[in-house]
Amino acid sequence: MTEAPHTLLSLAHVTFRYRAVPALNDVSLDLTRGEILGILGPNGSGKSTMLRIMSGVLHPQSGTVDWLGSPLSRVPRTVLARQMAVVPQGGTIEFPFSVMEVVLMGRAPHLGGFAFEGDQDVQVAEAAMRRTGTLDLAHRCIHELSGGERQRVILARALAQVPQALLLDEPGAFLDIRHAVELYDLLRDLQAEGMTIATVLHDLNLAALYCDRVALLKAGRLVRLGPPAEVISYATVRDVYETEVYVDTNDITGAVNVLPLSRVYRERLKR
């Protein structure tokens, strides 16, 4: 039996520009099987662009992107959709579908031709909604939901694909603190079940608590890549985000905690 490759997705010397504006510059990293990789950086650093490159939505102007050892661009989209699911930032649904209809869209890659969803597809969709706390919304119109509820429905749609890898762009952006923690707890559960996850996020504390490795970007360049405790340091965060912060270790979790400092305290540090 052939052993499954340790690396699911590999970026090598990837460069991407929006017209003349550079978004990624010579970025190389691997997404290893079974990990949670956090993608961090200031606004405009290239985080969402990198996730789109990883999902095959964008193609690099130079460099290579491989999925399971083959060029990502050569993998048929229907095949890739059964292996990789994407949760975009603020995903919008144009038509007034019910929540159940939206989540069942995640089953499309597993249906042949014009086949309709069967009982098993409905069961998978219900299980995905149950895991994301959206089953009680099944018959609601997607347009009636709050931003946080919609985000959890989009995640349920991705889980209904039953993918090997899950790519998320700011999945907690519209969630309150309780639902954000529940979401990342769910990602940990999915990881324990064998799923590989890459997530863009702004919250350095959540990244330190939940991610196995973090990739820190600035102006399209990969500044640091490694375990959160090594990457999220005072000097690195101050330099990358260009502001003063307080960094310490949480006594309960043992993870790094980062606190921003208001202008009053930033000015005190200059004295």
C-alpha atoms as a PDB file:
ATOM      1  CA  MET A   1       0.000   0.000   0.000  1.00  0.00           C
ATOM      2  CA  THR A   2       1.349   3.437  -0.949  1.00  0.00           C
ATOM      3  CA  GLU A   3       1.725   5.755   2.031  1.00  0.00           C
ATOM      4  CA  ALA A   4      -0.229   9.007   1.798  1.00  0.00           C
ATOM      5  CA  PRO A   5       2.027  12.011   1.137  1.00  0.00           C
ATOM      6  CA  HIS A   6       2.900  14.089   4.176  1.00  0.00           C
ATOM      7  CA  THR A   7       2.436  17.337   2.228  1.00  0.00           C
ATOM      8  CA  LEU A   8      -1.015  18.090   0.838  1.00  0.00           C
ATOM      9  CA  LEU A   9      -0.331  21.473  -0.710  1.00  0.00           C
ATOM     10  CA  SER A  10       2.971  23.085  -1.631  1.00  0.00           C
ATOM     11  CA  LEU A  11       3.756  26.647  -2.730  1.00  0.00           C
ATOM     12  CA  ALA A  12       7.228  27.218  -4.177  1.00  0.00           C
ATOM     13  CA  HIS A  13       8.517  30.730  -4.946  1.00  0.00           C
ATOM     14  CA  VAL A  14       5.017  32.021  -5.675  1.00  0.00           C
ATOM     15  CA  THR A  15       4.660  35.584  -6.947  1.00  0.00           C
ATOM     16  CA  PHE A  16       1.361  37.267  -7.787  1.00  0.00           C
ATOM     17  CA  ARG A  17       0.463  40.799  -8.848  1.00  0.00           C
ATOM     18  CA  TYR A  18      -2.836  42.581  -9.371  1.00  0.00           C
ATOM     19  CA  ARG A  19      -1.825  44.407 -12.553  1.00  0.00           C
ATOM     20  CA  ALA A  20       1.275  46.310 -11.408  1.00  0.00           C
ATOM     21  CA  VAL A  21       0.568  45.956  -7.677  1.00  0.00           C
ATOM     22  CA  PRO A  22       2.518  43.118  -6.001  1.00  0.00           C
ATOM     23  CA  ALA A  23       0.436  40.985  -3.629  1.00  0.00           C
ATOM     24  CA  LEU A  24       2.753  38.013  -3.015  1.00  0.00           C
ATOM     25  CA  ASN A  25       6.503  37.963  -3.538  1.00  0.00           C
ATOM     26  CA  ASP A  26       8.513  34.714  -3.645  1.00  0.00           C
ATOM     27  CA  VAL A  27       6.391  32.865  -1.067  1.00  0.00           C
ATOM     28  CA  SER A  28       7.194  29.220  -0.317  1.00  0.00           C
ATOM     29  CA  LEU A  29       5.467  26.974   2.228  1.00  0.00           C
ATOM     30  CA  ASP A  30       3.922  23.530   2.627  1.00  0.00           C
ATOM     31  CA  LEU A  31       0.557  22.647   4.125  1.00  0.00           C
ATOM     32  CA  THR A  32       1.227  19.378   5.903  1.00  0.00           C
ATOM     33  CA  ARG A  33      -1.347  16.673   6.420  1.00  0.00           C
ATOM     34  CA  GLY A  34      -3.326  16.960   9.656  1.00  0.00           C
ATOM     35  CA  GLU A  35      -2.189  20.434  10.757  1.00  0.00           C
ATOM     36  CA  ILE A  36      -3.926  23.730  11.402  1.00  0.00           C
ATOM     37  CA  LEU A  37      -1.962  26.475   9.657  1.00  0.00           C
ATOM     38  CA  GLY A  38      -2.770  30.082  10.540  1.00  0.00           C
ATOM     39  CA  ILE A  39      -2.095  32.805   7.962  1.00  0.00           C
ATOM     40  CA  LEU A  40      -1.450  36.136   9.705  1.00  0.00           C
ATOM     41  CA  GLY A  41      -0.436  39.641   8.779  1.00  0.00           C
ATOM     42  CA  PRO A  42      -1.581  43.268   8.583  1.00  0.00           C
ATOM     43  CA  ASN A  43      -4.247  44.453   6.175  1.00  0.00           C
ATOM     44  CA  GLY A  44      -2.968  44.255   2.611  1.00  0.00           C
ATOM     45  CA  SER A  45      -0.186  41.813   3.442  1.00  0.00           C
ATOM     46  CA  GLY A  46      -1.413  39.167   0.963  1.00  0.00           C
ATOM     47  CA  LYS A  47      -3.271  36.761   3.267  1.00  0.00           C
ATOM     48  CA  SER A  48      -6.470  36.395   1.226  1.00  0.00           C
ATOM     49  CA  THR A  49      -4.484  36.329  -2.008  1.00  0.00           C
ATOM     50  CA  MET A  50      -2.402  33.467  -0.681  1.00  0.00           C
ATOM     51  CA  LEU A  51      -5.535  31.520   0.253  1.00  0.00           C
ATOM     52  CA  ARG A  52      -6.949  32.079  -3.249  1.00  0.00           C
ATOM     53  CA  ILE A  53      -3.677  30.844  -4.728  1.00  0.00           C
ATOM     54  CA  MET A  54      -3.862  27.779  -2.471  1.00  0.00           C
ATOM     55  CA  SER A  55      -7.431  27.054  -3.598  1.00  0.00           C
ATOM     56  CA  GLY A  56      -6.651  27.483  -7.292  1.00  0.00           C
ATOM     57  CA  VAL A  57      -8.942  30.475  -7.744  1.00  0.00           C
ATOM     58  CA  LEU A  58      -5.891  32.568  -8.654  1.00  0.00           C
ATOM     59  CA  HIS A  59      -2.854  31.374 -10.588  1.00  0.00           C
ATOM     60  CA  PRO A  60       0.617  32.719  -9.756  1.00  0.00           C
ATOM     61  CA  GLN A  61       2.567  34.710 -12.322  1.00  0.00           C
ATOM     62  CA  SER A  62       5.647  32.745 -11.274  1.00  0.00           C
ATOM     63  CA  GLY A  63       6.345  29.831  -8.997  1.00  0.00           C
ATOM     64  CA  THR A  64       4.445  26.584  -8.585  1.00  0.00           C
ATOM     65  CA  VAL A  65       1.490  25.276  -6.586  1.00  0.00           C
ATOM     66  CA  ASP A  66       1.180  21.496  -6.137  1.00  0.00           C
ATOM     67  CA  TRP A  67      -1.701  19.491  -4.694  1.00  0.00           C
ATOM     68  CA  LEU A  68      -0.845  15.936  -3.598  1.00  0.00           C
ATOM     69  CA  GLY A  69       2.334  16.134  -5.663  1.00  0.00           C
ATOM     70  CA  SER A  70       0.685  17.273  -8.911  1.00  0.00           C
ATOM     71  CA  PRO A  71       0.310  20.794 -10.338  1.00  0.00           C
ATOM     72  CA  LEU A  72      -2.847  22.268  -8.826  1.00  0.00           C
ATOM     73  CA  SER A  73      -3.822  23.823 -12.160  1.00  0.00           C
ATOM     74  CA  ARG A  74      -4.059  20.362 -13.735  1.00  0.00           C
ATOM     75  CA  VAL A  75      -6.428  18.941 -11.124  1.00  0.00           C
ATOM     76  CA  PRO A  76     -10.011  18.985 -12.512  1.00  0.00           C
ATOM     77  CA  ARG A  77     -12.195  21.339 -10.488  1.00  0.00           C
ATOM     78  CA  THR A  78     -14.776  18.621  -9.830  1.00  0.00           C
ATOM     79  CA  VAL A  79     -12.069  16.370  -8.416  1.00  0.00           C
ATOM     80  CA  LEU A  80     -10.566  19.185  -6.340  1.00  0.00           C
ATOM     81  CA  ALA A  81     -14.008  20.085  -4.950  1.00  0.00           C
ATOM     82  CA  ARG A  82     -14.271  16.587  -3.467  1.00  0.00           C
ATOM     83  CA  GLN A  83     -10.895  17.010  -1.776  1.00  0.00           C
ATOM     84  CA  MET A  84     -10.764  20.689  -0.784  1.00  0.00           C
ATOM     85  CA  ALA A  85     -13.434  23.033   0.579  1.00  0.00           C
ATOM     86  CA  VAL A  86     -13.178  26.814   0.846  1.00  0.00           C
ATOM     87  CA  VAL A  87     -14.956  29.179   3.231  1.00  0.00           C
ATOM     88  CA  PRO A  88     -14.543  32.654   1.700  1.00  0.00           C
ATOM     89  CA  GLN A  89     -14.578  35.899   3.623  1.00  0.00           C
ATOM     90  CA  GLY A  90     -18.151  37.204   3.891  1.00  0.00           C
ATOM     91  CA  GLY A  91     -19.479  34.720   1.354  1.00  0.00           C
ATOM     92  CA  THR A  92     -22.656  36.091  -0.220  1.00  0.00           C
ATOM     93  CA  ILE A  93     -25.655  34.145  -1.515  1.00  0.00           C
ATOM     94  CA  GLU A  94     -27.524  36.086  -4.207  1.00  0.00           C
ATOM     95  CA  PHE A  95     -30.782  34.125  -4.286  1.00  0.00           C
ATOM     96  CA  PRO A  96     -33.176  33.497  -1.373  1.00  0.00           C
ATOM     97  CA  PHE A  97     -32.290  29.859  -0.780  1.00  0.00           C
ATOM     98  CA  SER A  98     -33.152  28.131   2.452  1.00  0.00           C
ATOM     99  CA  VAL A  99     -30.305  27.179   4.768  1.00  0.00           C
ATOM    100  CA  MET A 100     -30.827  23.513   3.912  1.00  0.00           C
ATOM    101  CA  GLU A 101     -30.571  24.305   0.196  1.00  0.00           C
ATOM    102  CA  VAL A 102     -27.346  26.242   0.745  1.00  0.00           C
ATOM    103  CA  VAL A 103     -25.730  23.446   2.743  1.00  0.00           C
ATOM    104  CA  LEU A 104     -26.837  20.830   0.195  1.00  0.00           C
ATOM    105  CA  MET A 105     -24.850  22.786  -2.420  1.00  0.00           C
ATOM    106  CA  GLY A 106     -21.800  21.286  -0.727  1.00  0.00           C
ATOM    107  CA  ARG A 107     -22.898  17.865  -1.978  1.00  0.00           C
ATOM    108  CA  ALA A 108     -22.736  18.932  -5.648  1.00  0.00           C
ATOM    109  CA  PRO A 109     -19.178  17.579  -6.240  1.00  0.00           C
ATOM    110  CA  HIS A 110     -20.384  14.131  -5.149  1.00  0.00           C
ATOM    111  CA  LEU A 111     -23.378  14.060  -7.510  1.00  0.00           C
ATOM    112  CA  GLY A 112     -23.038  12.946 -11.087  1.00  0.00           C
ATOM    113  CA  GLY A 113     -24.433  14.983 -13.956  1.00  0.00           C
ATOM    114  CA  PHE A 114     -27.890  16.322 -13.162  1.00  0.00           C
ATOM    115  CA  ALA A 115     -28.517  13.963 -10.255  1.00  0.00           C
ATOM    116  CA  PHE A 116     -30.560  15.189  -7.313  1.00  0.00           C
ATOM    117  CA  GLU A 117     -29.594  14.868  -3.673  1.00  0.00           C
ATOM    118  CA  GLY A 118     -30.612  11.625  -2.004  1.00  0.00           C
ATOM    119  CA  ASP A 119     -31.292  10.660   1.583  1.00  0.00           C
ATOM    120  CA  GLN A 120     -27.586  10.177   2.287  1.00  0.00           C
ATOM    121  CA  ASP A 121     -26.808  13.704   1.054  1.00  0.00           C
ATOM    122  CA  VAL A 122     -29.496  15.112   3.314  1.00  0.00           C
ATOM    123  CA  GLN A 123     -28.048  13.179   6.250  1.00  0.00           C
ATOM    124  CA  VAL A 124     -24.554  14.554   5.534  1.00  0.00           C
ATOM    125  CA  ALA A 125     -25.958  18.097   5.294  1.00  0.00           C
ATOM    126  CA  GLU A 126     -27.866  17.716   8.555  1.00  0.00           C
ATOM    127  CA  ALA A 127     -24.742  16.414  10.283  1.00  0.00           C
ATOM    128  CA  ALA A 128     -22.783  19.431   9.015  1.00  0.00           C
ATOM    129  CA  MET A 129     -25.470  21.812  10.275  1.00  0.00           C
ATOM    130  CA  ARG A 130     -25.571  20.052  13.610  1.00  0.00           C
ATOM    131  CA  ARG A 131     -21.815  20.492  14.023  1.00  0.00           C
ATOM    132  CA  THR A 132     -22.007  24.211  13.187  1.00  0.00           C
ATOM    133  CA  GLY A 133     -25.074  24.893  15.338  1.00  0.00           C
ATOM    134  CA  THR A 134     -27.275  25.743  12.354  1.00  0.00           C
ATOM    135  CA  LEU A 135     -29.649  22.771  12.174  1.00  0.00           C
ATOM    136  CA  ASP A 136     -32.455  24.776  13.792  1.00  0.00           C
ATOM    137  CA  LEU A 137     -32.080  27.306  10.942  1.00  0.00           C
ATOM    138  CA  ALA A 138     -32.562  24.693   8.200  1.00  0.00           C
ATOM    139  CA  HIS A 139     -35.836  26.100   6.903  1.00  0.00           C
ATOM    140  CA  ARG A 140     -34.958  29.781   7.293  1.00  0.00           C
ATOM    141  CA  CYS A 141     -34.093  31.915   4.270  1.00  0.00           C
ATOM    142  CA  ILE A 142     -30.364  32.642   4.124  1.00  0.00           C
ATOM    143  CA  HIS A 143     -31.136  36.364   3.737  1.00  0.00           C
ATOM    144  CA  GLU A 144     -32.941  36.426   7.084  1.00  0.00           C
ATOM    145  CA  LEU A 145     -29.856  35.463   9.041  1.00  0.00           C
ATOM    146  CA  SER A 146     -27.280  37.590  10.809  1.00  0.00           C
ATOM    147  CA  GLY A 147     -23.748  37.805   9.443  1.00  0.00           C
ATOM    148  CA  GLY A 148     -22.508  35.354  12.066  1.00  0.00           C
ATOM    149  CA  GLU A 149     -25.288  32.861  11.334  1.00  0.00           C
ATOM    150  CA  ARG A 150     -24.596  33.060   7.594  1.00  0.00           C
ATOM    151  CA  GLN A 151     -20.916  32.450   8.211  1.00  0.00           C
ATOM    152  CA  ARG A 152     -21.710  29.265  10.135  1.00  0.00           C
ATOM    153  CA  VAL A 153     -24.021  28.131   7.324  1.00  0.00           C
ATOM    154  CA  ILE A 154     -21.229  28.654   4.762  1.00  0.00           C
ATOM    155  CA  LEU A 155     -18.959  26.566   6.980  1.00  0.00           C
ATOM    156  CA  ALA A 156     -21.633  23.852   7.121  1.00  0.00           C
ATOM    157  CA  ARG A 157     -21.783  23.885   3.303  1.00  0.00           C
ATOM    158  CA  ALA A 158     -18.011  23.337   3.206  1.00  0.00           C
ATOM    159  CA  LEU A 159     -18.228  20.465   5.712  1.00  0.00           C
ATOM    160  CA  ALA A 160     -20.942  18.850   3.587  1.00  0.00           C
ATOM    161  CA  GLN A 161     -18.280  18.411   0.888  1.00  0.00           C
ATOM    162  CA  VAL A 162     -16.461  16.034   3.301  1.00  0.00           C
ATOM    163  CA  PRO A 163     -13.062  17.361   2.134  1.00  0.00           C
ATOM    164  CA  GLN A 164      -9.527  16.377   3.056  1.00  0.00           C
ATOM    165  CA  ALA A 165      -8.548  20.028   3.459  1.00  0.00           C
ATOM    166  CA  LEU A 166     -10.474  23.082   4.563  1.00  0.00           C
ATOM    167  CA  LEU A 167      -9.343  26.610   3.621  1.00  0.00           C
ATOM    168  CA  LEU A 168     -10.958  29.470   5.527  1.00  0.00           C
ATOM    169  CA  ASP A 169     -10.677  33.227   5.066  1.00  0.00           C
ATOM    170  CA  GLU A 170     -11.409  35.036   8.336  1.00  0.00           C
ATOM    171  CA  PRO A 171     -14.079  32.518   9.427  1.00  0.00           C
ATOM    172  CA  GLY A 172     -14.614  34.304  12.749  1.00  0.00           C
ATOM    173  CA  ALA A 173     -14.958  37.806  11.296  1.00  0.00           C
ATOM    174  CA  PHE A 174     -18.694  38.107  12.029  1.00  0.00           C
ATOM    175  CA  LEU A 175     -18.810  35.937  15.137  1.00  0.00           C
ATOM    176  CA  ASP A 176     -19.062  36.981  18.767  1.00  0.00           C
ATOM    177  CA  ILE A 177     -16.436  35.660  21.159  1.00  0.00           C
ATOM    178  CA  ARG A 178     -18.477  32.588  22.139  1.00  0.00           C
ATOM    179  CA  HIS A 179     -19.170  31.490  18.574  1.00  0.00           C
ATOM    180  CA  ALA A 180     -15.606  32.277  17.485  1.00  0.00           C
ATOM    181  CA  VAL A 181     -14.222  29.977  20.178  1.00  0.00           C
ATOM    182  CA  GLU A 182     -16.803  27.312  19.314  1.00  0.00           C
ATOM    183  CA  LEU A 183     -15.770  27.538  15.664  1.00  0.00           C
ATOM    184  CA  TYR A 184     -12.095  27.033  16.426  1.00  0.00           C
ATOM    185  CA  ASP A 185     -12.956  24.237  18.858  1.00  0.00           C
ATOM    186  CA  LEU A 186     -14.791  22.615  15.941  1.00  0.00           C
ATOM    187  CA  LEU A 187     -11.729  23.053  13.722  1.00  0.00           C
ATOM    188  CA  ARG A 188      -9.666  21.255  16.357  1.00  0.00           C
ATOM    189  CA  ASP A 189     -12.235  18.425  16.397  1.00  0.00           C
ATOM    190  CA  LEU A 190     -12.074  18.194  12.592  1.00  0.00           C
ATOM    191  CA  GLN A 191      -8.285  18.113  12.768  1.00  0.00           C
ATOM    192  CA  ALA A 192      -8.463  15.227  15.252  1.00  0.00           C
ATOM    193  CA  GLU A 193     -10.618  13.393  12.696  1.00  0.00           C
ATOM    194  CA  GLY A 194      -7.933  13.803  10.035  1.00  0.00           C
ATOM    195  CA  MET A 195      -8.781  17.062   8.297  1.00  0.00           C
ATOM    196  CA  THR A 196      -6.080  19.527   7.272  1.00  0.00           C
ATOM    197  CA  ILE A 197      -6.887  23.210   7.786  1.00  0.00           C
ATOM    198  CA  ALA A 198      -5.457  26.548   6.650  1.00  0.00           C
ATOM    199  CA  THR A 199      -7.129  29.656   7.998  1.00  0.00           C
ATOM    200  CA  VAL A 200      -6.587  33.368   7.539  1.00  0.00           C
ATOM    201  CA  LEU A 201      -7.177  35.255  10.767  1.00  0.00           C
ATOM    202  CA  HIS A 202      -6.400  38.589  12.377  1.00  0.00           C
ATOM    203  CA  ASP A 203      -6.654  37.491  16.004  1.00  0.00           C
ATOM    204  CA  LEU A 204      -3.118  36.633  17.106  1.00  0.00           C
ATOM    205  CA  ASN A 205      -4.397  35.173  20.373  1.00  0.00           C
ATOM    206  CA  LEU A 206      -6.693  32.686  18.625  1.00  0.00           C
ATOM    207  CA  ALA A 207      -3.836  31.802  16.290  1.00  0.00           C
ATOM    208  CA  ALA A 208      -1.533  31.132  19.231  1.00  0.00           C
ATOM    209  CA  LEU A 209      -4.175  29.030  20.979  1.00  0.00           C
ATOM    210  CA  TYR A 210      -5.372  26.876  18.078  1.00  0.00           C
ATOM    211  CA  CYS A 211      -2.787  26.786  15.270  1.00  0.00           C
ATOM    212  CA  ASP A 212       0.063  24.293  15.026  1.00  0.00           C
ATOM    213  CA  ARG A 213       2.028  26.655  12.791  1.00  0.00           C
ATOM    214  CA  VAL A 214       1.552  30.222  11.639  1.00  0.00           C
ATOM    215  CA  ALA A 215       2.716  31.997   8.499  1.00  0.00           C
ATOM    216  CA  LEU A 216       3.288  35.704   9.105  1.00  0.00           C
ATOM    217  CA  LEU A 217       3.110  37.948   6.041  1.00  0.00           C
ATOM    218  CA  LYS A 218       4.053  41.572   5.494  1.00  0.00           C
ATOM    219  CA  ALA A 219       3.741  43.415   2.169  1.00  0.00           C
ATOM    220  CA  GLY A 220       3.425  40.137   0.294  1.00  0.00           C
ATOM    221  CA  ARG A 221       6.504  38.515   1.793  1.00  0.00           C
ATOM    222  CA  LEU A 222       6.624  35.585   4.188  1.00  0.00           C
ATOM    223  CA  VAL A 223       8.371  37.004   7.240  1.00  0.00           C
ATOM    224  CA  ARG A 224       8.229  34.009   9.573  1.00  0.00           C
ATOM    225  CA  LEU A 225       6.829  30.470   9.490  1.00  0.00           C
ATOM    226  CA  GLY A 226       6.726  28.153  12.472  1.00  0.00           C
ATOM    227  CA  PRO A 227       5.047  27.352  15.792  1.00  0.00           C
ATOM    228  CA  PRO A 228       3.101  30.297  17.284  1.00  0.00           C
ATOM    229  CA  ALA A 229       5.384  30.565  20.313  1.00  0.00           C
ATOM    230  CA  GLU A 230       8.361  31.140  17.994  1.00  0.00           C
ATOM    231  CA  VAL A 231       6.689  33.461  15.494  1.00  0.00           C
ATOM    232  CA  ILE A 232       4.417  35.598  17.679  1.00  0.00           C
ATOM    233  CA  SER A 233       7.112  37.384  19.653  1.00  0.00           C
ATOM    234  CA  TYR A 234       7.187  40.996  20.830  1.00  0.00           C
ATOM    235  CA  ALA A 235       9.880  42.077  18.381  1.00  0.00           C
ATOM    236  CA  THR A 236       8.329  40.341  15.377  1.00  0.00           C
ATOM    237  CA  VAL A 237       4.780  41.565  16.027  1.00  0.00           C
ATOM    238  CA  ARG A 238       5.987  45.121  16.650  1.00  0.00           C
ATOM    239  CA  ASP A 239       8.002  45.154  13.438  1.00  0.00           C
ATOM    240  CA  VAL A 240       5.380  43.512  11.215  1.00  0.00           C
ATOM    241  CA  TYR A 241       2.361  45.447  12.511  1.00  0.00           C
ATOM    242  CA  GLU A 242       4.344  48.636  13.167  1.00  0.00           C
ATOM    243  CA  THR A 243       2.795  49.306  16.561  1.00  0.00           C
ATOM    244  CA  GLU A 244       3.670  48.675  20.190  1.00  0.00           C
ATOM    245  CA  VAL A 245       2.128  45.626  21.856  1.00  0.00           C
ATOM    246  CA  TYR A 246       2.356  43.727  25.114  1.00  0.00           C
ATOM    247  CA  VAL A 247       3.256  40.044  24.703  1.00  0.00           C
ATOM    248  CA  ASP A 248       3.198  37.517  27.516  1.00  0.00           C
ATOM    249  CA  THR A 249       2.378  33.868  28.182  1.00  0.00           C
ATOM    250  CA  ASN A 250      -1.099  32.929  29.373  1.00  0.00           C
ATOM    251  CA  ASP A 251      -0.870  31.227  32.770  1.00  0.00           C
ATOM    252  CA  ILE A 252      -3.826  28.945  31.991  1.00  0.00           C
ATOM    253  CA  THR A 253      -3.181  27.879  28.397  1.00  0.00           C
ATOM    254  CA  GLY A 254       0.575  28.351  28.136  1.00  0.00           C
ATOM    255  CA  ALA A 255      -0.020  30.058  24.786  1.00  0.00           C
ATOM    256  CA  VAL A 256       1.259  33.493  23.807  1.00  0.00           C
ATOM    257  CA  ASN A 257      -1.089  36.439  24.436  1.00  0.00           C
ATOM    258  CA  VAL A 258      -0.834  39.727  22.560  1.00  0.00           C
ATOM    259  CA  LEU A 259      -2.446  42.959  23.730  1.00  0.00           C
ATOM    260  CA  PRO A 260      -2.460  46.207  21.742  1.00  0.00           C
ATOM    261  CA  LEU A 261      -1.375  49.349  23.574  1.00  0.00           C
ATOM    262  CA  SER A 262      -3.313  52.599  23.332  1.00  0.00           C
ATOM    263  CA  ARG A 263      -1.570  55.842  22.359  1.00  0.00           C
ATOM    264  CA  VAL A 264      -1.131  56.853  25.999  1.00  0.00           C
ATOM    265  CA  TYR A 265       0.932  53.751  26.728  1.00  0.00           C
ATOM    266  CA  ARG A 266       2.756  53.844  23.388  1.00  0.00           C
ATOM    267  CA  GLU A 267       3.891  57.371  24.225  1.00  0.00           C
ATOM    268  CA  ARG A 268       5.031  56.300  27.670  1.00  0.00           C
ATOM    269  CA  LEU A 269       7.311  53.708  26.089  1.00  0.00           C
ATOM    270  CA  LYS A 270       9.058  56.460  24.132  1.00  0.00           C
ATOM    271  CA  ARG A 271      10.067  58.357  27.280  1.00  0.00           C
END
